Amino acid sequence: MPVMIVLLITGFIIRLYAATTVPQVSDEEVFYYFARQISFDINHLHLPIGGIPGIDITSPPLPLYVAKLGLSLFGDCIWGGRFFFVLIGIFSLFFSYKLVEEVSGRKMALIVLYLLVFSQYHIGISRRIGPEILNFFFSVLSVYCFFKGLKTGLNKWVYLTGIFLGIGYLGKELVILLLPIFLIFLWREQKYRFWLKCKAIYISLALMLFCMSSQIIWSFQNNFANYTSEEDNIFNMGVSLRSIHLYLGEAFAWLADTSQLSEEIRDFPDFEHERIIVIQEWKRLFMFDGDNNLPVEHWVLGAIIFMAVLYYFLERRNKDELTRFSMLMFGFIFIVTTIMGYHPDDFVVDHLWATATLYPGVILSSHMLIELSRKYRFAEFAIPVMIIYFVINSVRFASLPENQFAMSKMDLCEHYIERAEIYRAEGEWDKVRDRCTRVRSLCPTEYNLLCDVFY
């Protein structure tokens, strides 16, 4: 227990430091801007229940309320808006630990916690305003309640699973991918198959729908804005490298840079300050977005996760329940996010969709490392060295911007104005409004005046 507490405190300090030092990025500044518009004053009540019509943000509203809570307590500052995202990140670490401890033991739980505390991707999504850490947190919390229900046989845990899936949907709709995973796992595990006939499952589904209802109603009232905005991503089938990019993006970037295959394109349609890395052998384009793209996982941990998945995929011995579930969860989300969201230009738009694969990936990695330490003596020394390396890297990463080539605020302002002019000429007024909203929330007065002339 003391080790777990020390790790959680260390993780909190690293993430809080990052939240107070790392500059604001464009996606974040839009959430920050609209969070400030929320008002609980009875005379000026403004409580959004969905996205923001008229601009490109159609995501559920929970990130805005989390940011507003921090702004209300700590004042109108960026780290105040980020504070509760940091706290939610720490709670996600705690429940990640608790589930593995209760199912597989304390040793494996501590390794899972080590890897997540010093995971640069987890640090990156915990230190910023946005839906990414909410997606991870509610995924972990739902899995925790699901397993508690299976182990205890108590209906209350099944109900909580549905409730947290529904609330998680208000943070990011991707959490709903866990529903088919849960149902498939119950069907595959013969001793749990009886749950599919229990009314507790259907009550849980009803509770989930009730928690999601505000977002569904908002979407219905706004011509299904959030669903139509994602239609291309959902129904364009093909093979993208989004999920691989989450884990090996650093390695691909290094390969491209060292082989002189990279080029920057400032005005590529539909993206903001793209760094396009062309890898000719793969005939693919990797997009690193200096404005709003997320940090990727460290390539060493990414490689370990892929090795663990391959190891347990090829292993023919009976696996324990948590390993079987982790394989199912990782494989299902990885495949879905790989074949959905294909774009004709072969862009990896972002790897947010694959965020929930990090938890089962780390569980499988921890299990593999323990098995290797039992079989091979060198692994007993290699694992502590690896952990020390991740600690050093996490401290270095905590003070970096979202990526190392992020644009300055002035460059962003000029770029948004340029894009707004292009979209105005093309008659795409929704995109003009979106860029001008970003300008008003981020840029000085003279840029605001430039944007005003568009109307």
Protein backbone atom coordinates (compact mmCIF):
# COMPACT_ATOMS: atom_id res chain seq x y z
CA MET A 1 0.00 0.00 0.00
CA PRO A 2 2.75 2.60 0.81
CA VAL A 3 4.38 1.92 -2.59
CA MET A 4 1.07 2.47 -4.34
CA ILE A 5 0.51 5.76 -2.49
CA VAL A 6 4.04 6.97 -3.28
CA LEU A 7 3.51 6.17 -6.96
CA LEU A 8 0.17 7.99 -7.07
CA ILE A 9 1.65 11.07 -5.35
CA THR A 10 4.59 11.01 -7.77
CA GLY A 11 2.21 10.76 -10.71
CA PHE A 12 0.16 13.67 -9.37
CA ILE A 13 3.24 15.89 -8.97
CA ILE A 14 4.49 15.14 -12.50
CA ARG A 15 1.08 15.84 -14.06
CA LEU A 16 0.41 18.95 -12.00
CA TYR A 17 3.83 20.33 -12.91
CA ALA A 18 3.06 19.70 -16.58
CA ALA A 19 -0.38 21.32 -16.25
CA THR A 20 1.18 24.50 -14.85
CA THR A 21 4.04 24.79 -17.35
CA VAL A 22 3.06 23.36 -20.74
CA PRO A 23 1.62 25.97 -23.15
CA GLN A 24 -1.98 25.84 -24.31
CA VAL A 25 -2.70 24.07 -27.60
CA SER A 26 -5.47 24.83 -30.07
CA ASP A 27 -8.00 22.11 -29.30
CA GLU A 28 -7.56 22.88 -25.63
CA GLU A 29 -8.01 26.61 -26.03
CA VAL A 30 -11.41 26.07 -27.69
CA PHE A 31 -12.60 23.91 -24.78
CA TYR A 32 -11.23 26.56 -22.40
CA TYR A 33 -13.07 29.32 -24.25
CA PHE A 34 -16.44 27.57 -24.13
CA ALA A 35 -15.98 26.35 -20.56
CA ARG A 36 -15.72 30.01 -19.55
CA GLN A 37 -19.12 30.65 -21.18
CA ILE A 38 -20.90 28.22 -18.82
CA SER A 39 -22.93 30.15 -16.27
CA PHE A 40 -24.81 28.91 -13.20
CA ASP A 41 -26.22 32.38 -12.53
CA ILE A 42 -30.02 32.03 -12.52
CA ASN A 43 -30.34 35.32 -14.44
CA HIS A 44 -27.80 34.32 -17.11
CA LEU A 45 -28.11 30.55 -17.09
CA HIS A 46 -26.03 28.81 -19.74
CA LEU A 47 -25.68 25.05 -19.31
CA PRO A 48 -24.89 23.29 -22.62
CA ILE A 49 -26.04 19.68 -22.83
CA GLY A 50 -24.31 18.84 -26.11
CA GLY A 51 -21.71 20.20 -28.49
CA ILE A 52 -21.49 23.71 -29.82
CA PRO A 53 -23.57 24.09 -33.00
CA GLY A 54 -22.11 26.11 -35.85
CA ILE A 55 -18.46 25.14 -35.35
CA ASP A 56 -16.48 21.93 -35.58
CA ILE A 57 -16.93 20.98 -31.90
CA THR A 58 -19.79 18.53 -31.58
CA SER A 59 -18.28 16.41 -28.81
CA PRO A 60 -20.26 15.76 -25.61
CA PRO A 61 -20.14 18.50 -22.97
CA LEU A 62 -18.56 16.82 -19.92
CA PRO A 63 -15.02 18.20 -20.61
CA LEU A 64 -16.47 21.73 -20.53
CA TYR A 65 -18.01 21.19 -17.09
CA VAL A 66 -14.84 19.60 -15.69
CA ALA A 67 -12.85 22.61 -16.92
CA LYS A 68 -15.47 25.03 -15.54
CA LEU A 69 -15.24 23.41 -12.10
CA GLY A 70 -11.52 24.11 -12.01
CA LEU A 71 -11.94 27.65 -13.30
CA SER A 72 -14.57 28.34 -10.61
CA LEU A 73 -12.26 27.15 -7.83
CA PHE A 74 -8.87 28.42 -9.01
CA GLY A 75 -9.74 31.43 -11.12
CA ASP A 76 -9.55 32.21 -14.81
CA CYS A 77 -6.23 30.53 -15.61
CA ILE A 78 -5.25 27.63 -17.82
CA TRP A 79 -3.86 25.45 -15.01
CA GLY A 80 -7.10 25.97 -13.08
CA GLY A 81 -9.05 24.56 -16.02
CA ARG A 82 -6.61 21.64 -16.21
CA PHE A 83 -6.55 20.76 -12.50
CA PHE A 84 -9.46 18.32 -12.39
CA PHE A 85 -8.24 16.58 -15.53
CA VAL A 86 -5.02 15.92 -13.62
CA LEU A 87 -7.06 14.61 -10.68
CA ILE A 88 -9.17 12.38 -12.94
CA GLY A 89 -5.94 11.01 -14.37
CA ILE A 90 -4.79 10.03 -10.88
CA PHE A 91 -8.13 8.34 -10.12
CA SER A 92 -7.78 6.40 -13.37
CA LEU A 93 -4.38 5.17 -12.11
CA PHE A 94 -5.90 4.14 -8.77
CA PHE A 95 -8.68 2.05 -10.32
CA SER A 96 -6.22 0.58 -12.83
CA TYR A 97 -4.21 -0.65 -9.84
CA LYS A 98 -7.21 -1.88 -7.83
CA LEU A 99 -8.65 -4.05 -10.59
CA VAL A 100 -5.37 -5.86 -11.28
CA GLU A 101 -4.63 -6.23 -7.56
CA GLU A 102 -7.99 -7.88 -6.87
CA VAL A 103 -7.82 -10.20 -9.90
CA SER A 104 -4.12 -10.95 -10.42
CA GLY A 105 -2.28 -9.90 -7.28
CA ARG A 106 -0.31 -6.99 -5.89
CA LYS A 107 2.98 -7.58 -7.76
CA MET A 108 1.39 -7.35 -11.18
CA ALA A 109 -0.78 -4.42 -10.05
CA LEU A 110 2.33 -2.46 -9.04
CA ILE A 111 3.97 -3.04 -12.43
CA VAL A 112 0.78 -1.86 -14.17
CA LEU A 113 0.81 1.23 -11.96
CA TYR A 114 4.52 1.89 -12.62
CA LEU A 115 4.01 1.76 -16.37
CA LEU A 116 0.96 4.04 -16.33
CA VAL A 117 2.34 6.57 -13.83
CA PHE A 118 5.37 7.13 -16.08
CA SER A 119 3.58 6.65 -19.41
CA GLN A 120 4.18 9.77 -21.49
CA TYR A 121 0.85 9.35 -23.28
CA HIS A 122 -1.05 9.15 -19.99
CA ILE A 123 0.85 12.22 -18.73
CA GLY A 124 0.06 14.00 -21.98
CA ILE A 125 -3.69 13.40 -21.82
CA SER A 126 -3.89 14.12 -18.06
CA ARG A 127 -2.27 17.55 -18.24
CA ARG A 128 -4.63 19.15 -20.77
CA ILE A 129 -8.29 20.14 -21.11
CA GLY A 130 -10.08 17.68 -23.35
CA PRO A 131 -11.98 14.39 -23.54
CA GLU A 132 -8.98 12.06 -23.78
CA ILE A 133 -8.45 11.37 -20.07
CA LEU A 134 -12.22 11.11 -19.53
CA ASN A 135 -12.30 8.37 -22.16
CA PHE A 136 -9.50 6.51 -20.38
CA PHE A 137 -10.91 7.03 -16.87
CA PHE A 138 -14.45 5.86 -17.60
CA SER A 139 -13.12 2.91 -19.61
CA VAL A 140 -11.04 1.78 -16.62
CA LEU A 141 -13.86 2.46 -14.15
CA SER A 142 -16.39 0.52 -16.25
CA VAL A 143 -14.03 -2.46 -16.56
CA TYR A 144 -13.41 -2.36 -12.79
CA CYS A 145 -17.14 -2.44 -12.00
CA PHE A 146 -17.73 -5.13 -14.63
CA PHE A 147 -15.18 -7.46 -13.04
CA LYS A 148 -16.43 -6.67 -9.53
CA GLY A 149 -19.89 -7.73 -10.69
CA LEU A 150 -18.56 -10.99 -12.13
CA LYS A 151 -16.52 -11.83 -9.03
CA THR A 152 -19.09 -10.87 -6.38
CA GLY A 153 -22.28 -11.72 -8.27
CA LEU A 154 -23.84 -8.50 -6.94
CA ASN A 155 -26.19 -6.66 -9.28
CA LYS A 156 -25.14 -3.24 -7.98
CA TRP A 157 -21.78 -3.54 -9.78
CA VAL A 158 -23.55 -4.42 -13.02
CA TYR A 159 -25.75 -1.34 -12.61
CA LEU A 160 -22.70 0.83 -11.91
CA THR A 161 -21.08 -0.50 -15.09
CA GLY A 162 -24.03 0.81 -17.13
CA ILE A 163 -24.05 4.14 -15.28
CA PHE A 164 -20.34 4.76 -15.84
CA LEU A 165 -20.60 3.78 -19.50
CA GLY A 166 -23.41 6.34 -19.87
CA ILE A 167 -21.55 9.11 -18.04
CA GLY A 168 -18.39 8.24 -19.95
CA TYR A 169 -20.33 8.73 -23.18
CA LEU A 170 -20.88 12.35 -22.11
CA GLY A 171 -17.10 12.70 -22.00
CA LYS A 172 -16.30 10.90 -25.23
CA GLU A 173 -18.57 8.62 -27.26
CA LEU A 174 -15.78 6.09 -27.83
CA VAL A 175 -16.40 4.63 -24.38
CA ILE A 176 -19.42 2.86 -25.90
CA LEU A 177 -17.02 0.44 -27.63
CA LEU A 178 -16.80 -1.35 -24.28
CA LEU A 179 -20.44 -2.48 -24.49
CA PRO A 180 -19.93 -5.09 -27.26
CA ILE A 181 -16.67 -6.14 -25.56
CA PHE A 182 -18.52 -6.89 -22.31
CA LEU A 183 -21.25 -8.82 -24.11
CA ILE A 184 -18.78 -10.85 -26.19
CA PHE A 185 -16.77 -11.71 -23.06
CA LEU A 186 -19.90 -12.92 -21.23
CA TRP A 187 -20.86 -15.05 -24.22
CA ARG A 188 -17.36 -16.54 -24.58
CA GLU A 189 -16.93 -17.37 -20.87
CA GLN A 190 -19.26 -20.29 -20.21
CA LYS A 191 -19.41 -19.77 -16.46
CA TYR A 192 -20.56 -16.18 -16.95
CA ARG A 193 -22.94 -16.82 -19.83
CA PHE A 194 -25.93 -16.93 -17.47
CA TRP A 195 -25.54 -13.15 -17.01
CA LEU A 196 -26.89 -12.65 -20.52
CA LYS A 197 -30.24 -13.99 -19.30
CA CYS A 198 -30.33 -11.92 -16.12
CA LYS A 199 -32.51 -8.83 -15.99
CA ALA A 200 -29.66 -6.98 -14.22
CA ILE A 201 -27.90 -6.67 -17.60
CA TYR A 202 -30.94 -5.07 -19.20
CA ILE A 203 -31.49 -2.73 -16.27
CA SER A 204 -27.83 -1.74 -16.64
CA LEU A 205 -28.41 -1.00 -20.34
CA ALA A 206 -31.44 1.12 -19.44
CA LEU A 207 -29.37 3.08 -16.90
CA MET A 208 -26.69 3.61 -19.54
CA LEU A 209 -29.23 5.00 -22.01
CA PHE A 210 -30.70 7.25 -19.31
CA CYS A 211 -27.26 8.75 -18.55
CA MET A 212 -26.67 9.26 -22.29
CA SER A 213 -30.10 10.77 -22.89
CA SER A 214 -29.13 14.45 -22.60
CA GLN A 215 -26.56 14.06 -25.40
CA ILE A 216 -28.99 12.05 -27.54
CA ILE A 217 -31.74 14.68 -27.07
CA TRP A 218 -29.33 17.52 -27.92
CA SER A 219 -28.21 15.72 -31.05
CA PHE A 220 -31.81 15.12 -32.12
CA GLN A 221 -32.58 18.82 -31.63
CA ASN A 222 -29.52 19.82 -33.71
CA ASN A 223 -30.05 17.55 -36.72
CA PHE A 224 -27.83 14.83 -35.25
CA ALA A 225 -24.83 17.17 -35.43
CA ASN A 226 -22.36 14.98 -33.55
CA TYR A 227 -23.29 11.86 -35.52
CA THR A 228 -23.14 13.53 -38.93
CA SER A 229 -19.79 15.10 -38.06
CA GLU A 230 -18.36 11.64 -37.40
CA GLU A 231 -20.16 9.92 -40.27
CA ASP A 232 -17.09 9.92 -42.51
CA ASN A 233 -14.97 8.47 -39.74
CA ILE A 234 -17.48 5.74 -38.90
CA PHE A 235 -18.54 4.57 -42.34
CA ASN A 236 -15.36 5.09 -44.37
CA MET A 237 -13.86 1.61 -44.18
CA GLY A 238 -10.25 0.91 -44.99
CA VAL A 239 -6.95 0.27 -43.28
CA SER A 240 -5.51 3.24 -41.39
CA LEU A 241 -2.49 3.32 -39.11
CA ARG A 242 -4.18 5.32 -36.35
CA SER A 243 -3.78 2.65 -33.66
CA ILE A 244 -0.21 1.77 -34.60
CA HIS A 245 0.63 5.48 -34.57
CA LEU A 246 -0.30 5.71 -30.88
CA TYR A 247 2.44 3.24 -29.93
CA LEU A 248 5.09 3.54 -32.62
CA GLY A 249 4.60 7.13 -33.85
CA GLU A 250 7.90 8.21 -32.28
CA ALA A 251 9.79 5.46 -34.07
CA PHE A 252 8.23 6.33 -37.42
CA ALA A 253 9.01 10.03 -36.92
CA TRP A 254 12.62 9.24 -36.07
CA LEU A 255 12.89 6.96 -39.11
CA ALA A 256 11.51 9.65 -41.39
CA ASP A 257 13.69 12.42 -39.97
CA THR A 258 16.91 10.42 -40.11
CA SER A 259 16.20 9.23 -43.63
CA GLN A 260 15.31 12.78 -44.79
CA LEU A 261 11.79 11.79 -45.83
CA SER A 262 9.95 14.51 -43.89
CA GLU A 263 8.49 17.79 -45.07
CA GLU A 264 6.33 20.48 -43.52
CA ILE A 265 3.17 21.66 -45.28
CA ARG A 266 1.56 24.73 -43.75
CA ASP A 267 -1.60 25.06 -45.81
CA PHE A 268 -2.77 21.54 -46.49
CA PRO A 269 -6.61 21.47 -46.75
CA ASP A 270 -8.59 20.62 -43.61
CA PHE A 271 -5.63 20.42 -41.23
CA GLU A 272 -3.79 22.98 -39.08
CA HIS A 273 0.03 23.29 -39.39
CA GLU A 274 0.64 19.74 -40.56
CA ARG A 275 3.96 18.01 -40.34
CA ILE A 276 3.56 15.30 -42.94
CA ILE A 277 6.04 12.50 -42.74
CA VAL A 278 6.15 10.48 -45.93
CA ILE A 279 7.42 6.93 -45.68
CA GLN A 280 7.74 5.83 -49.26
CA GLU A 281 8.08 2.12 -48.60
CA TRP A 282 4.69 2.03 -46.85
CA LYS A 283 3.01 4.49 -49.23
CA ARG A 284 1.45 6.10 -46.16
CA LEU A 285 1.32 9.60 -44.71
CA PHE A 286 1.78 10.20 -41.01
CA MET A 287 0.25 13.44 -39.84
CA PHE A 288 1.71 15.14 -36.76
CA ASP A 289 -0.54 18.10 -36.03
CA GLY A 290 1.28 20.89 -34.25
CA ASP A 291 -2.02 22.50 -33.18
CA ASN A 292 -4.13 19.83 -31.61
CA ASN A 293 -2.70 16.38 -32.06
CA LEU A 294 -2.04 14.32 -28.98
CA PRO A 295 1.33 13.11 -27.75
CA VAL A 296 2.14 9.53 -28.66
CA GLU A 297 3.31 6.80 -26.32
CA HIS A 298 7.03 6.31 -25.84
CA TRP A 299 8.15 3.88 -28.54
CA VAL A 300 9.84 1.54 -26.02
CA LEU A 301 6.62 0.99 -24.08
CA GLY A 302 4.73 0.81 -27.37
CA ALA A 303 7.03 -1.94 -28.61
CA ILE A 304 6.66 -3.85 -25.31
CA ILE A 305 2.88 -3.66 -25.58
CA PHE A 306 2.90 -5.02 -29.13
CA MET A 307 5.28 -7.83 -28.09
CA ALA A 308 2.99 -8.73 -25.19
CA VAL A 309 -0.08 -8.83 -27.44
CA LEU A 310 1.76 -11.06 -29.93
CA TYR A 311 3.12 -13.24 -27.10
CA TYR A 312 -0.32 -14.01 -25.67
CA PHE A 313 -1.90 -14.31 -29.10
CA LEU A 314 0.54 -17.10 -29.97
CA GLU A 315 0.54 -18.72 -26.54
CA ARG A 316 -1.54 -21.89 -26.50
CA ARG A 317 -1.76 -22.42 -22.75
CA ASN A 318 -4.92 -21.50 -20.90
CA LYS A 319 -4.84 -17.83 -20.01
CA ASP A 320 -6.37 -16.31 -16.86
CA GLU A 321 -9.60 -14.33 -17.12
CA LEU A 322 -7.99 -10.90 -16.99
CA THR A 323 -5.53 -11.82 -19.75
CA ARG A 324 -8.34 -13.16 -21.94
CA PHE A 325 -10.40 -10.03 -21.35
CA SER A 326 -7.40 -7.76 -22.02
CA MET A 327 -6.70 -9.54 -25.30
CA LEU A 328 -10.34 -9.15 -26.31
CA MET A 329 -10.47 -5.47 -25.33
CA PHE A 330 -7.18 -4.58 -26.99
CA GLY A 331 -7.93 -6.58 -30.14
CA PHE A 332 -11.51 -5.34 -30.59
CA ILE A 333 -10.72 -1.63 -30.16
CA PHE A 334 -7.48 -1.91 -32.15
CA ILE A 335 -9.21 -3.57 -35.11
CA VAL A 336 -12.23 -1.23 -35.04
CA THR A 337 -10.05 1.89 -34.94
CA THR A 338 -7.81 0.48 -37.67
CA ILE A 339 -10.56 -0.23 -40.20
CA MET A 340 -12.80 2.76 -39.37
CA GLY A 341 -11.95 6.36 -40.16
CA TYR A 342 -10.12 5.60 -43.37
CA HIS A 343 -9.48 8.69 -45.52
CA PRO A 344 -8.71 8.59 -49.23
CA ASP A 345 -5.53 10.57 -48.64
CA ASP A 346 -4.35 7.95 -46.13
CA PHE A 347 -4.08 10.36 -43.21
CA VAL A 348 -3.81 9.14 -39.65
CA VAL A 349 -6.10 11.88 -38.36
CA ASP A 350 -5.53 11.21 -34.66
CA HIS A 351 -5.01 8.25 -32.37
CA LEU A 352 -7.53 9.31 -29.70
CA TRP A 353 -9.78 6.47 -30.84
CA ALA A 354 -7.18 3.95 -29.67
CA THR A 355 -6.70 5.51 -26.21
CA ALA A 356 -8.62 2.76 -24.40
CA THR A 357 -6.21 0.11 -25.73
CA LEU A 358 -3.49 1.49 -23.43
CA TYR A 359 -4.96 -0.12 -20.29
CA PRO A 360 -5.26 -3.73 -21.58
CA GLY A 361 -1.93 -3.26 -23.36
CA VAL A 362 -0.20 -2.36 -20.09
CA ILE A 363 -1.90 -5.27 -18.28
CA LEU A 364 -0.62 -7.72 -20.92
CA SER A 365 2.85 -6.14 -20.78
CA SER A 366 3.00 -6.47 -16.99
CA HIS A 367 1.94 -10.11 -17.17
CA MET A 368 4.58 -10.84 -19.81
CA LEU A 369 7.34 -9.09 -17.84
CA ILE A 370 6.55 -11.15 -14.75
CA GLU A 371 6.66 -14.38 -16.76
CA LEU A 372 9.95 -13.41 -18.38
CA SER A 373 11.48 -12.56 -14.99
CA ARG A 374 10.64 -16.08 -13.82
CA LYS A 375 12.11 -17.75 -16.91
CA TYR A 376 15.19 -15.62 -17.56
CA ARG A 377 17.54 -14.25 -14.94
CA PHE A 378 18.56 -11.23 -17.01
CA ALA A 379 14.95 -10.00 -16.94
CA GLU A 380 15.19 -9.48 -13.18
CA PHE A 381 17.79 -6.77 -13.86
CA ALA A 382 16.34 -5.47 -17.13
CA ILE A 383 12.92 -4.61 -15.67
CA PRO A 384 14.27 -2.19 -12.97
CA VAL A 385 16.52 -0.54 -15.58
CA MET A 386 13.52 -0.10 -17.88
CA ILE A 387 11.46 1.41 -15.05
CA ILE A 388 14.25 3.90 -14.21
CA TYR A 389 14.42 4.86 -17.89
CA PHE A 390 10.67 5.54 -17.98
CA VAL A 391 10.95 7.66 -14.80
CA ILE A 392 13.66 9.83 -16.38
CA ASN A 393 11.73 10.12 -19.65
CA SER A 394 8.50 11.12 -17.85
CA VAL A 395 10.24 13.98 -16.04
CA ARG A 396 11.74 15.19 -19.33
CA PHE A 397 8.43 14.82 -21.17
CA ALA A 398 6.38 16.65 -18.50
CA SER A 399 7.95 19.98 -19.43
CA LEU A 400 7.59 19.59 -23.21
CA PRO A 401 4.72 21.01 -25.26
CA GLU A 402 2.27 18.54 -26.80
CA ASN A 403 4.94 17.85 -29.37
CA GLN A 404 8.31 19.41 -29.93
CA PHE A 405 7.36 21.48 -32.97
CA ALA A 406 4.18 23.16 -31.73
CA MET A 407 3.47 26.60 -33.19
CA SER A 408 3.69 29.79 -31.17
CA LYS A 409 0.49 31.69 -30.39
CA MET A 410 1.30 34.38 -32.95
CA ASP A 411 1.91 31.79 -35.64
CA LEU A 412 -1.34 30.10 -34.74
CA CYS A 413 -3.26 33.37 -34.97
CA GLU A 414 -1.85 34.16 -38.39
CA HIS A 415 -2.51 30.64 -39.58
CA TYR A 416 -6.15 30.70 -38.40
CA ILE A 417 -6.73 34.02 -40.16
CA GLU A 418 -5.25 32.59 -43.38
CA ARG A 419 -7.46 29.51 -43.15
CA ALA A 420 -10.55 31.63 -42.38
CA GLU A 421 -9.90 33.72 -45.51
CA ILE A 422 -9.64 30.57 -47.64
CA TYR A 423 -12.83 29.07 -46.18
CA ARG A 424 -14.70 32.37 -46.63
CA ALA A 425 -13.76 32.38 -50.32
CA GLU A 426 -15.03 28.80 -50.58
CA GLY A 427 -18.28 29.67 -48.77
CA GLU A 428 -17.61 27.24 -45.88
CA TRP A 429 -18.99 29.47 -43.14
CA ASP A 430 -19.00 26.84 -40.40
CA LYS A 431 -15.24 26.52 -40.75
CA VAL A 432 -14.85 30.30 -40.87
CA ARG A 433 -16.75 30.55 -37.56
CA ASP A 434 -14.63 27.79 -36.06
CA ARG A 435 -11.34 29.47 -36.96
CA CYS A 436 -12.59 32.84 -35.73
CA THR A 437 -13.68 31.28 -32.45
CA ARG A 438 -10.15 29.98 -32.01
CA VAL A 439 -8.73 33.41 -32.84
CA ARG A 440 -10.95 35.17 -30.28
CA SER A 441 -10.02 32.72 -27.50
CA LEU A 442 -6.28 32.77 -28.16
CA CYS A 443 -5.14 35.84 -30.03
CA PRO A 444 -4.61 39.57 -29.34
CA THR A 445 -7.15 42.29 -30.21
CA GLU A 446 -5.72 43.11 -33.63
CA TYR A 447 -6.35 39.55 -34.81
CA ASN A 448 -9.89 39.65 -33.42
CA LEU A 449 -10.56 42.78 -35.48
CA LEU A 450 -9.30 41.01 -38.60
CA CYS A 451 -11.71 38.18 -37.91
CA ASP A 452 -14.62 40.56 -37.35
CA VAL A 453 -14.43 41.81 -40.96
CA PHE A 454 -15.43 38.34 -42.17
CA TYR A 455 -18.94 38.95 -40.90
